[in-house]
N, C-alpha and C. Protein backbone atom coordinates (compact mmCIF):
# COMPACT_ATOMS: atom_id res chain seq x y z
N MET A 1 0.91 -1.09 0.18
CA MET A 1 -0.12 -0.11 0.17
C MET A 1 0.89 1.24 -0.02
N GLU A 2 1.99 1.07 0.81
CA GLU A 2 2.83 2.37 1.00
C GLU A 2 3.41 2.47 -0.63
N ALA A 3 3.98 1.59 -1.13
CA ALA A 3 4.66 1.81 -2.56
C ALA A 3 3.60 2.54 -3.52
N ARG A 4 2.50 2.14 -3.44
CA ARG A 4 1.25 2.92 -4.35
C ARG A 4 1.19 4.25 -4.14
N THR A 5 1.21 4.63 -2.68
CA THR A 5 1.05 5.96 -2.32
C THR A 5 2.46 6.73 -2.48
N ILE A 6 3.71 6.06 -2.47
CA ILE A 6 4.66 6.85 -2.69
C ILE A 6 4.62 7.11 -4.25
N GLY A 7 4.41 6.19 -5.10
CA GLY A 7 4.34 6.57 -6.65
C GLY A 7 3.39 7.25 -7.06
N ARG A 8 2.02 7.58 -6.33
CA ARG A 8 1.06 8.54 -6.45
C ARG A 8 1.47 9.82 -6.32
N VAL A 9 2.25 9.98 -5.12
CA VAL A 9 2.77 11.18 -4.63
C VAL A 9 3.99 11.66 -5.57
N ALA A 10 4.79 10.71 -5.99
CA ALA A 10 5.89 11.14 -7.13
C ALA A 10 5.33 11.62 -8.34
N LEU A 11 4.30 10.76 -8.91
CA LEU A 11 3.48 11.28 -10.13
C LEU A 11 2.92 12.54 -9.91
N GLN A 12 2.36 12.87 -8.96
CA GLN A 12 1.70 14.32 -8.89
C GLN A 12 2.64 15.27 -8.81
N ALA A 13 3.71 14.97 -8.14
CA ALA A 13 4.91 16.08 -8.09
C ALA A 13 5.41 16.19 -9.29
N VAL A 14 5.71 15.09 -10.07
CA VAL A 14 6.38 15.48 -11.50
C VAL A 14 5.46 16.05 -12.43
N PHE A 15 3.96 15.87 -12.26
CA PHE A 15 3.16 16.43 -13.12
C PHE A 15 3.16 18.03 -12.82
N VAL A 16 3.33 18.33 -11.57
CA VAL A 16 3.34 19.66 -11.13
C VAL A 16 4.46 20.44 -11.73
N GLY A 17 5.69 19.87 -11.67
CA GLY A 17 6.89 20.15 -12.43
C GLY A 17 6.89 20.50 -13.90
N VAL A 18 6.03 19.50 -14.70
CA VAL A 18 6.01 19.39 -15.96
C VAL A 18 5.15 20.46 -16.36
N MET A 19 3.92 20.86 -15.46
CA MET A 19 3.19 21.92 -15.72
C MET A 19 3.77 23.37 -15.73
N ALA A 20 4.69 23.61 -14.74
CA ALA A 20 5.25 24.60 -14.50
C ALA A 20 6.31 25.02 -15.44
N GLY A 21 7.15 23.91 -15.80
CA GLY A 21 8.14 24.34 -16.76
C GLY A 21 7.28 24.41 -18.30
N SER A 22 6.22 23.75 -18.65
CA SER A 22 5.52 24.01 -19.90
C SER A 22 4.81 25.31 -19.83
N ALA A 23 4.15 25.71 -18.91
CA ALA A 23 3.57 26.93 -18.65
C ALA A 23 4.72 28.23 -18.94
N TYR A 24 5.92 28.08 -18.57
CA TYR A 24 6.94 28.91 -18.69
C TYR A 24 7.27 29.02 -20.16
N ALA A 25 7.41 27.85 -20.78
CA ALA A 25 7.86 27.64 -22.19
C ALA A 25 6.77 28.28 -23.01
N LEU A 26 5.62 27.87 -22.83
CA LEU A 26 4.47 28.52 -23.58
C LEU A 26 4.27 30.14 -23.55
N MET A 27 4.56 30.63 -22.45
CA MET A 27 4.53 32.16 -22.32
C MET A 27 5.57 32.85 -22.93
N ARG A 28 6.68 32.06 -23.03
CA ARG A 28 7.99 32.77 -23.61
C ARG A 28 7.62 32.40 -24.86
N GLN A 29 7.28 31.39 -25.57
CA GLN A 29 7.16 31.14 -27.05
C GLN A 29 6.06 32.03 -27.62
N PHE A 30 5.09 32.33 -26.72
CA PHE A 30 4.09 33.36 -27.34
C PHE A 30 4.42 35.01 -26.94
N GLY A 31 5.48 35.06 -26.46
CA GLY A 31 5.96 36.40 -26.23
C GLY A 31 5.30 37.19 -24.74
N ALA A 32 4.79 36.79 -24.13
CA ALA A 32 4.40 37.36 -23.00
C ALA A 32 5.28 38.01 -22.08
N PRO A 33 4.89 39.18 -21.78
CA PRO A 33 5.92 39.89 -20.91
C PRO A 33 6.12 39.21 -19.54
N LEU A 34 7.33 38.69 -19.10
CA LEU A 34 7.37 38.01 -17.94
C LEU A 34 8.21 38.98 -17.07
N CYS A 35 8.82 40.10 -17.59
CA CYS A 35 9.41 41.03 -16.56
C CYS A 35 8.64 42.41 -16.51
N PRO A 36 9.02 43.11 -15.49
CA PRO A 36 8.16 44.31 -15.28
C PRO A 36 8.84 45.32 -16.42
N PRO A 37 8.11 46.45 -16.76
CA PRO A 37 8.53 47.39 -17.87
C PRO A 37 9.76 48.11 -17.42
N THR A 38 10.17 48.25 -16.03
CA THR A 38 11.25 49.18 -15.55
C THR A 38 12.50 48.05 -15.23
N GLY A 39 12.31 46.99 -15.40
CA GLY A 39 13.56 45.84 -15.30
C GLY A 39 14.34 45.97 -16.31
N VAL A 40 15.64 46.22 -16.14
CA VAL A 40 16.59 46.70 -16.97
C VAL A 40 17.48 45.30 -17.17
N SER A 41 17.65 44.60 -16.42
CA SER A 41 18.03 43.29 -16.55
C SER A 41 17.43 42.29 -16.18
N CYS A 42 16.73 41.38 -16.86
CA CYS A 42 15.82 40.33 -16.30
C CYS A 42 16.09 39.01 -17.03
N ALA A 43 16.53 38.12 -16.03
CA ALA A 43 17.03 36.79 -16.56
C ALA A 43 15.81 36.01 -16.77
N VAL A 44 14.58 36.25 -16.43
CA VAL A 44 13.63 35.36 -16.69
C VAL A 44 13.25 35.32 -18.31
N GLU A 45 13.29 36.29 -18.91
CA GLU A 45 13.24 36.51 -20.41
C GLU A 45 14.12 36.01 -21.15
N SER A 46 15.54 36.01 -20.74
CA SER A 46 16.62 35.51 -21.45
C SER A 46 16.82 34.08 -21.13
N GLY A 47 16.26 33.29 -20.28
CA GLY A 47 16.26 32.09 -20.07
C GLY A 47 15.70 31.15 -21.33
N GLY A 48 16.16 29.97 -21.56
CA GLY A 48 15.40 29.01 -22.48
C GLY A 48 14.79 27.74 -22.09
N ALA A 49 15.15 26.86 -22.73
CA ALA A 49 14.94 25.48 -22.20
C ALA A 49 15.35 24.98 -20.74
N LEU A 50 16.90 25.52 -20.79
CA LEU A 50 17.22 25.26 -19.50
C LEU A 50 16.68 25.58 -18.37
N PHE A 51 16.22 27.15 -18.38
CA PHE A 51 15.39 27.72 -17.29
C PHE A 51 14.17 27.17 -17.16
N ALA A 52 13.34 26.55 -18.20
CA ALA A 52 12.26 26.12 -18.14
C ALA A 52 12.70 24.53 -17.39
N VAL A 53 13.23 23.78 -17.53
CA VAL A 53 13.60 22.66 -16.87
C VAL A 53 13.88 22.88 -15.34
N GLN A 54 14.72 23.86 -15.28
CA GLN A 54 15.10 24.35 -13.83
C GLN A 54 13.77 24.81 -13.03
N LEU A 55 12.96 25.39 -13.83
CA LEU A 55 11.57 25.93 -13.06
C LEU A 55 10.77 24.52 -12.65
N GLY A 56 10.68 23.86 -13.67
CA GLY A 56 9.93 22.49 -13.35
C GLY A 56 10.74 21.67 -12.19
N GLY A 57 11.87 21.78 -12.27
CA GLY A 57 12.51 21.11 -10.97
C GLY A 57 12.47 21.50 -9.66
N VAL A 58 12.45 22.91 -9.85
CA VAL A 58 12.19 23.66 -8.52
C VAL A 58 10.70 23.39 -8.13
N ALA A 59 9.48 23.32 -8.87
CA ALA A 59 8.26 23.26 -8.75
C ALA A 59 7.98 21.98 -8.28
N THR A 60 8.63 21.00 -8.66
CA THR A 60 8.73 19.24 -8.22
C THR A 60 8.99 19.45 -6.67
N ALA A 61 10.24 20.10 -6.61
CA ALA A 61 10.89 20.03 -5.14
C ALA A 61 9.94 20.65 -4.14
N LEU A 62 9.18 21.84 -4.73
CA LEU A 62 8.16 22.49 -3.61
C LEU A 62 7.04 21.56 -3.65
N ALA A 63 6.47 20.95 -4.46
CA ALA A 63 5.18 20.27 -4.43
C ALA A 63 5.46 19.02 -3.60
N LEU A 64 6.48 18.48 -3.89
CA LEU A 64 6.99 16.89 -3.25
C LEU A 64 6.76 16.87 -1.57
N PRO A 65 7.04 17.74 -1.02
CA PRO A 65 6.85 17.52 0.52
C PRO A 65 5.41 17.97 1.07
N VAL A 66 4.86 18.84 0.37
CA VAL A 66 3.34 18.88 0.54
C VAL A 66 2.52 17.72 0.20
N LEU A 67 2.84 17.20 -0.88
CA LEU A 67 2.13 15.86 -1.35
C LEU A 67 2.37 14.85 -0.40
N ALA A 68 3.52 14.61 -0.05
CA ALA A 68 4.02 13.54 0.70
C ALA A 68 3.46 13.57 2.14
N LEU A 69 3.27 14.88 2.88
CA LEU A 69 2.85 15.02 3.96
C LEU A 69 1.38 14.73 3.90
N ARG A 70 0.67 15.29 2.98
CA ARG A 70 -0.71 14.94 2.80
C ARG A 70 -1.45 13.58 2.68
N ALA A 71 -0.27 12.66 2.03
CA ALA A 71 -0.55 11.37 1.89
C ALA A 71 -0.31 10.73 3.27
N GLY A 72 0.25 11.30 4.20
CA GLY A 72 0.61 10.70 5.44
C GLY A 72 2.06 9.73 5.47
N LEU A 73 2.77 10.21 4.42
CA LEU A 73 4.22 9.45 4.43
C LEU A 73 5.27 10.19 5.28
N GLY A 74 4.92 11.06 5.91
CA GLY A 74 6.11 11.51 7.16
C GLY A 74 6.82 12.43 6.63
N TRP A 75 7.56 13.07 7.83
CA TRP A 75 8.65 14.24 7.52
C TRP A 75 9.99 13.42 7.09
N VAL A 76 10.33 12.28 7.50
CA VAL A 76 11.76 11.66 6.89
C VAL A 76 11.53 11.40 5.50
N PHE A 77 10.41 11.04 5.00
CA PHE A 77 10.36 10.75 3.38
C PHE A 77 10.31 11.94 2.70
N ALA A 78 9.54 12.89 3.33
CA ALA A 78 9.35 14.27 2.51
C ALA A 78 10.67 14.85 2.44
N VAL A 79 11.68 15.07 3.59
CA VAL A 79 12.77 15.46 3.47
C VAL A 79 13.61 15.00 2.48
N VAL A 80 13.85 13.33 2.57
CA VAL A 80 14.81 12.89 1.98
C VAL A 80 14.59 13.15 0.31
N ALA A 81 13.32 12.82 0.10
CA ALA A 81 12.72 13.10 -1.34
C ALA A 81 13.13 14.27 -1.95
N THR A 82 12.64 15.51 -1.18
CA THR A 82 12.83 16.73 -1.59
C THR A 82 14.17 17.03 -1.77
N ALA A 83 15.21 16.48 -0.86
CA ALA A 83 16.56 16.76 -0.93
C ALA A 83 17.20 15.93 -2.26
N GLY A 84 16.55 14.88 -2.34
CA GLY A 84 17.13 14.06 -3.68
C GLY A 84 16.73 15.00 -5.03
N VAL A 85 15.47 15.33 -5.03
CA VAL A 85 15.07 16.17 -6.09
C VAL A 85 15.74 17.38 -6.40
N LEU A 86 16.44 18.14 -5.33
CA LEU A 86 17.11 19.38 -5.35
C LEU A 86 18.45 18.97 -5.80
N ALA A 87 18.90 17.81 -5.40
CA ALA A 87 20.47 17.46 -5.60
C ALA A 87 20.33 17.00 -7.18
N VAL A 88 19.55 16.38 -7.74
CA VAL A 88 19.33 16.05 -9.23
C VAL A 88 19.24 17.21 -10.01
N ASN A 89 18.40 18.22 -9.49
CA ASN A 89 18.25 19.50 -10.31
C ASN A 89 19.67 20.33 -10.37
N LEU A 90 20.36 20.60 -9.37
CA LEU A 90 21.47 21.10 -9.02
C LEU A 90 22.70 20.33 -9.94
N VAL A 91 22.89 19.17 -9.77
CA VAL A 91 23.62 18.56 -10.72
C VAL A 91 23.35 18.73 -12.32
N TRP A 92 22.26 18.53 -12.53
CA TRP A 92 21.96 18.87 -13.95
C TRP A 92 21.97 20.10 -14.39
N PHE A 93 21.67 20.97 -13.56
CA PHE A 93 21.91 22.45 -14.01
C PHE A 93 23.65 22.81 -14.18
N LEU A 94 24.31 22.33 -13.17
CA LEU A 94 25.77 22.51 -13.25
C LEU A 94 26.39 22.06 -14.59
N SER A 95 25.87 20.58 -14.61
CA SER A 95 26.66 19.93 -15.95
C SER A 95 26.15 20.53 -17.26
N LEU A 96 25.04 21.21 -17.32
CA LEU A 96 24.62 21.58 -18.46
C LEU A 96 24.95 23.17 -18.84
N SER A 97 25.04 23.75 -17.76
CA SER A 97 25.47 25.21 -17.76
C SER A 97 26.97 25.55 -17.86
N GLY A 98 27.90 24.78 -17.90
CA GLY A 98 29.27 24.85 -17.72
C GLY A 98 29.70 25.12 -16.45
N MET A 99 28.98 25.20 -15.33
CA MET A 99 29.43 25.65 -14.09
C MET A 99 30.52 24.84 -13.58
N TRP A 100 30.68 23.47 -13.85
CA TRP A 100 31.74 22.63 -13.26
C TRP A 100 33.05 23.31 -13.55
N THR A 101 33.43 23.95 -14.62
CA THR A 101 34.78 24.58 -14.92
C THR A 101 34.95 25.74 -13.71
N VAL A 102 33.79 26.44 -13.24
CA VAL A 102 33.87 27.24 -12.27
C VAL A 102 34.25 26.65 -10.90
N LEU A 103 33.72 25.32 -10.69
CA LEU A 103 33.77 24.92 -9.43
C LEU A 103 34.97 24.15 -9.18
N GLY A 104 35.32 23.54 -10.39
CA GLY A 104 36.46 22.76 -10.25
C GLY A 104 38.10 23.28 -10.27
């Protein structure tokens, strides 16, 4: 029973992440104003697919503990799963953005 609950929570969290990334990609594709008119340097509009995936990863990491706690999986699962999602998101970002050369 708990495996089914974990699977359901993971699927819901991934759905939230995919929807957040897709919403950003659609807004950027159709030219929606994502920055305020007074914004001189706005990184949101200059981001591409990398930013959309990062946004989806952050949305997944934010949704996961809420969904896990609502399903009754406990704090330990929520913290460990969220830390795992954040770690994967960080490694993916660093590997694709060329930051390994800065850190190494």
